[in-house]
N, C-alpha and C. Protein backbone atom coordinates (compact mmCIF):
# COMPACT_ATOMS: atom_id res chain seq x y z
N MET A 1 174.24 139.68 23.06
CA MET A 1 173.39 140.80 23.57
C MET A 1 173.11 140.41 25.00
N GLU A 2 172.90 141.43 25.80
CA GLU A 2 172.43 141.53 27.10
C GLU A 2 171.53 142.47 27.55
N THR A 3 170.65 142.46 28.27
CA THR A 3 169.79 143.59 28.90
C THR A 3 170.62 144.25 29.76
N PRO A 4 170.43 145.62 29.74
CA PRO A 4 171.11 146.42 30.83
C PRO A 4 170.71 145.97 32.12
N ARG A 5 171.51 146.14 33.11
CA ARG A 5 171.15 145.75 34.53
C ARG A 5 170.11 146.76 35.43
N ASN A 6 170.07 148.12 34.51
CA ASN A 6 169.32 149.14 35.20
C ASN A 6 167.99 149.59 34.60
N VAL A 7 167.45 148.68 34.02
CA VAL A 7 166.16 148.70 33.18
C VAL A 7 165.06 148.96 34.21
N PRO A 8 164.14 149.61 33.93
CA PRO A 8 162.82 149.90 34.86
C PRO A 8 162.20 148.32 35.29
N GLN A 9 162.43 147.48 34.33
CA GLN A 9 161.88 146.05 34.69
C GLN A 9 163.06 145.40 35.52
N GLY A 10 163.28 145.72 36.66
CA GLY A 10 164.44 144.90 37.37
C GLY A 10 164.46 143.53 37.64
N ASP A 11 163.31 142.79 37.23
CA ASP A 11 163.02 141.39 37.53
C ASP A 11 163.41 140.63 36.21
N PHE A 12 164.09 141.27 35.31
CA PHE A 12 164.33 140.56 33.90
C PHE A 12 165.76 140.82 33.71
N PHE A 13 166.42 139.80 33.38
CA PHE A 13 167.79 139.93 32.88
C PHE A 13 168.10 138.91 32.16
N ALA A 14 168.55 139.16 30.79
CA ALA A 14 168.66 137.95 29.79
C ALA A 14 169.84 138.20 28.97
N TRP A 15 170.36 137.09 28.43
CA TRP A 15 171.50 137.21 27.36
C TRP A 15 170.72 136.51 26.01
N ALA A 16 171.38 136.95 24.99
CA ALA A 16 170.79 136.27 23.60
C ALA A 16 171.87 136.03 22.77
N VAL A 17 171.69 135.16 22.08
CA VAL A 17 172.80 134.76 20.91
C VAL A 17 172.08 134.91 19.70
N VAL A 18 172.53 135.27 18.52
CA VAL A 18 172.04 135.34 17.28
C VAL A 18 172.97 134.68 16.29
N ASP A 19 172.44 133.79 15.50
CA ASP A 19 172.99 133.02 14.49
C ASP A 19 172.25 132.93 13.21
N GLY A 20 172.54 133.81 12.29
CA GLY A 20 171.78 133.92 11.00
C GLY A 20 170.17 134.45 11.50
N ASP A 21 169.30 133.60 11.05
CA ASP A 21 167.85 133.92 11.34
C ASP A 21 167.40 133.22 12.83
N TRP A 22 168.38 132.56 13.58
CA TRP A 22 167.99 132.12 14.78
C TRP A 22 168.35 132.92 16.01
N ARG A 23 167.48 133.11 17.07
CA ARG A 23 167.78 133.83 18.33
C ARG A 23 167.57 132.83 19.42
N LEU A 24 168.43 132.69 20.40
CA LEU A 24 168.25 131.86 21.46
C LEU A 24 168.33 133.14 22.62
N ILE A 25 167.36 133.00 23.42
CA ILE A 25 167.37 133.93 24.55
C ILE A 25 167.34 133.33 26.05
N HIS A 26 168.06 133.66 26.76
CA HIS A 26 168.31 132.85 28.14
C HIS A 26 167.85 134.04 29.13
N ASP A 27 166.83 133.72 29.77
CA ASP A 27 166.37 134.75 30.91
C ASP A 27 166.92 134.19 32.29
N LEU A 28 167.83 134.99 32.70
CA LEU A 28 168.81 134.57 33.78
C LEU A 28 167.91 134.25 35.18
N VAL A 29 166.97 135.36 35.14
CA VAL A 29 165.94 135.35 36.57
C VAL A 29 165.33 134.16 36.42
N GLY A 30 164.64 133.76 35.34
CA GLY A 30 163.59 132.66 35.35
C GLY A 30 164.37 131.48 35.05
N ASN A 31 165.61 131.43 34.72
CA ASN A 31 166.22 130.26 34.11
C ASN A 31 165.52 129.65 33.16
N THR A 32 164.97 130.41 31.98
CA THR A 32 164.35 129.77 30.98
C THR A 32 164.99 130.07 29.60
N TYR A 33 164.54 129.33 28.69
CA TYR A 33 165.25 129.74 27.23
C TYR A 33 164.25 129.69 26.29
N GLU A 34 164.41 130.41 25.28
CA GLU A 34 163.49 130.76 24.15
C GLU A 34 164.12 130.67 23.01
N LEU A 35 163.55 129.91 21.89
CA LEU A 35 164.43 129.93 20.67
C LEU A 35 163.43 130.26 19.46
N TYR A 36 163.86 131.35 18.63
CA TYR A 36 163.12 131.71 17.63
C TYR A 36 163.77 131.95 16.46
N ASN A 37 162.94 131.58 15.22
CA ASN A 37 163.37 131.88 14.02
C ASN A 37 162.81 133.27 13.29
N GLU A 38 163.80 134.20 13.31
CA GLU A 38 163.33 135.34 12.77
C GLU A 38 162.88 135.56 11.49
N GLU A 39 163.19 134.82 10.58
CA GLU A 39 162.83 134.75 9.31
C GLU A 39 161.23 134.34 9.24
N ASN A 40 160.94 133.39 9.82
CA ASN A 40 159.67 132.71 9.94
C ASN A 40 158.81 133.42 11.10
N ASP A 41 159.39 133.95 11.90
CA ASP A 41 158.60 134.46 13.14
C ASP A 41 159.04 135.71 13.79
N PRO A 42 159.20 137.00 12.99
CA PRO A 42 159.77 138.04 13.17
C PRO A 42 159.28 138.55 14.39
N GLU A 43 158.19 138.52 14.96
CA GLU A 43 157.65 138.86 16.30
C GLU A 43 157.91 138.10 17.32
N GLU A 44 158.42 137.05 17.32
CA GLU A 44 158.88 136.03 18.27
C GLU A 44 157.53 135.50 19.10
N LEU A 45 156.89 134.99 18.31
CA LEU A 45 155.63 134.68 19.03
C LEU A 45 155.48 133.09 19.07
N HIS A 46 156.37 132.36 18.60
CA HIS A 46 156.41 130.86 18.71
C HIS A 46 157.81 130.34 19.16
N ASN A 47 157.91 130.00 20.47
CA ASN A 47 159.12 129.51 21.02
C ASN A 47 159.35 128.20 20.44
N LEU A 48 160.49 127.78 19.79
CA LEU A 48 160.73 126.65 19.38
C LEU A 48 161.73 125.81 20.00
N ILE A 49 161.88 126.00 21.35
CA ILE A 49 162.90 125.53 22.21
C ILE A 49 162.63 123.97 22.18
N ASP A 50 161.34 123.60 22.35
CA ASP A 50 161.10 122.06 22.29
C ASP A 50 161.15 121.41 21.11
N GLN A 51 160.71 122.06 19.84
CA GLN A 51 160.71 121.55 18.64
C GLN A 51 162.11 121.39 17.95
N MET A 52 162.88 122.31 18.49
CA MET A 52 164.29 122.41 17.84
C MET A 52 165.54 122.06 18.70
N PRO A 53 165.62 120.92 19.49
CA PRO A 53 166.55 120.87 20.61
C PRO A 53 168.16 121.00 20.08
N GLU A 54 168.21 120.29 18.95
CA GLU A 54 169.55 120.56 18.53
C GLU A 54 170.28 121.75 18.29
N ARG A 55 169.30 122.57 17.65
CA ARG A 55 169.51 123.98 17.33
C ARG A 55 169.69 124.72 18.63
N ALA A 56 168.98 124.42 19.57
CA ALA A 56 169.01 125.13 20.88
C ALA A 56 170.28 124.69 21.41
N SER A 57 170.71 123.53 21.42
CA SER A 57 171.84 123.20 22.14
C SER A 57 173.19 123.61 21.51
N SER A 58 173.06 123.73 20.14
CA SER A 58 174.11 124.42 19.51
C SER A 58 174.45 125.99 19.90
N LEU A 59 173.14 126.66 20.06
CA LEU A 59 173.24 128.05 20.32
C LEU A 59 173.59 128.24 21.80
N LYS A 60 173.06 127.39 22.86
CA LYS A 60 173.50 127.36 24.07
C LYS A 60 175.00 127.23 24.25
N ALA A 61 175.60 126.26 23.63
CA ALA A 61 177.00 126.25 23.60
C ALA A 61 177.87 127.53 23.16
N SER A 62 177.36 128.16 22.24
CA SER A 62 177.89 129.28 21.53
C SER A 62 177.78 130.32 22.80
N LEU A 63 176.64 130.43 23.38
CA LEU A 63 176.32 131.45 24.39
C LEU A 63 177.24 131.18 25.56
N SER A 64 177.42 129.91 25.95
CA SER A 64 178.43 129.64 27.02
C SER A 64 179.84 129.93 26.59
N GLN A 65 180.19 129.51 25.32
CA GLN A 65 181.45 129.87 25.01
C GLN A 65 181.81 131.75 25.28
N TRP A 66 180.93 132.29 24.82
CA TRP A 66 181.02 133.85 24.66
C TRP A 66 180.96 134.16 26.21
N LEU A 67 180.17 133.75 26.99
CA LEU A 67 180.11 133.99 28.43
C LEU A 67 181.39 133.73 28.94
N ASP A 68 182.04 132.73 28.73
CA ASP A 68 183.60 132.27 29.31
C ASP A 68 184.49 133.53 28.93
N LEU A 69 184.38 133.96 27.67
CA LEU A 69 185.34 134.90 27.23
C LEU A 69 184.96 136.34 27.81
N GLN A 70 183.85 136.53 28.07
CA GLN A 70 183.43 137.73 28.61
C GLN A 70 183.69 137.77 30.39
N SER A 71 183.72 136.64 30.93
CA SER A 71 183.84 136.48 32.48
C SER A 71 184.95 137.34 33.13
N GLN A 72 184.57 138.07 34.24
CA GLN A 72 185.48 139.07 34.78
C GLN A 72 186.39 138.32 35.68
N HIS A 73 186.21 137.01 35.97
CA HIS A 73 186.90 136.28 36.71
C HIS A 73 187.89 135.40 36.02
N LYS A 74 188.93 135.59 35.74
CA LYS A 74 189.91 134.89 34.96
C LYS A 74 190.21 133.66 35.49
N GLY A 75 189.90 132.55 34.46
CA GLY A 75 190.01 131.12 34.67
C GLY A 75 188.71 130.61 35.08
N TYR A 76 187.55 131.34 34.97
CA TYR A 76 186.15 130.85 35.44
C TYR A 76 185.75 130.20 34.06
N ARG A 77 185.34 128.97 34.02
CA ARG A 77 184.83 128.37 32.76
C ARG A 77 183.52 127.31 33.18
N ASN A 78 182.72 127.87 34.07
CA ASN A 78 181.50 127.15 34.34
C ASN A 78 180.28 127.51 33.79
N TRP A 79 180.22 128.57 32.86
CA TRP A 79 178.90 129.11 32.44
C TRP A 79 178.14 128.05 31.65
N ALA A 80 178.82 126.90 31.20
CA ALA A 80 178.20 125.99 30.37
C ALA A 80 177.05 125.37 31.13
N ARG A 81 177.10 125.29 32.52
CA ARG A 81 176.17 124.75 33.42
C ARG A 81 174.66 125.37 32.79
N PHE A 82 174.63 126.71 32.30
CA PHE A 82 173.45 127.30 32.25
C PHE A 82 172.84 126.71 30.84
């Protein structure tokens, strides 16, 4: 998922990846990550990024792979730096 670039709140742009009950959100503007378990926390009130580093790392890798596939620049494969 990604936020549209023409939303009223122009200072926020994010990508998210969902795997089962897990959602990782990357705020590109603030360069921050959030991790939520949708089953236990459907309102996304408790960011688990620090408590679940392995889960976050796995989802970051999935997001990086997806971004690589979506890149408009053929051969550009440096999204993993995020």
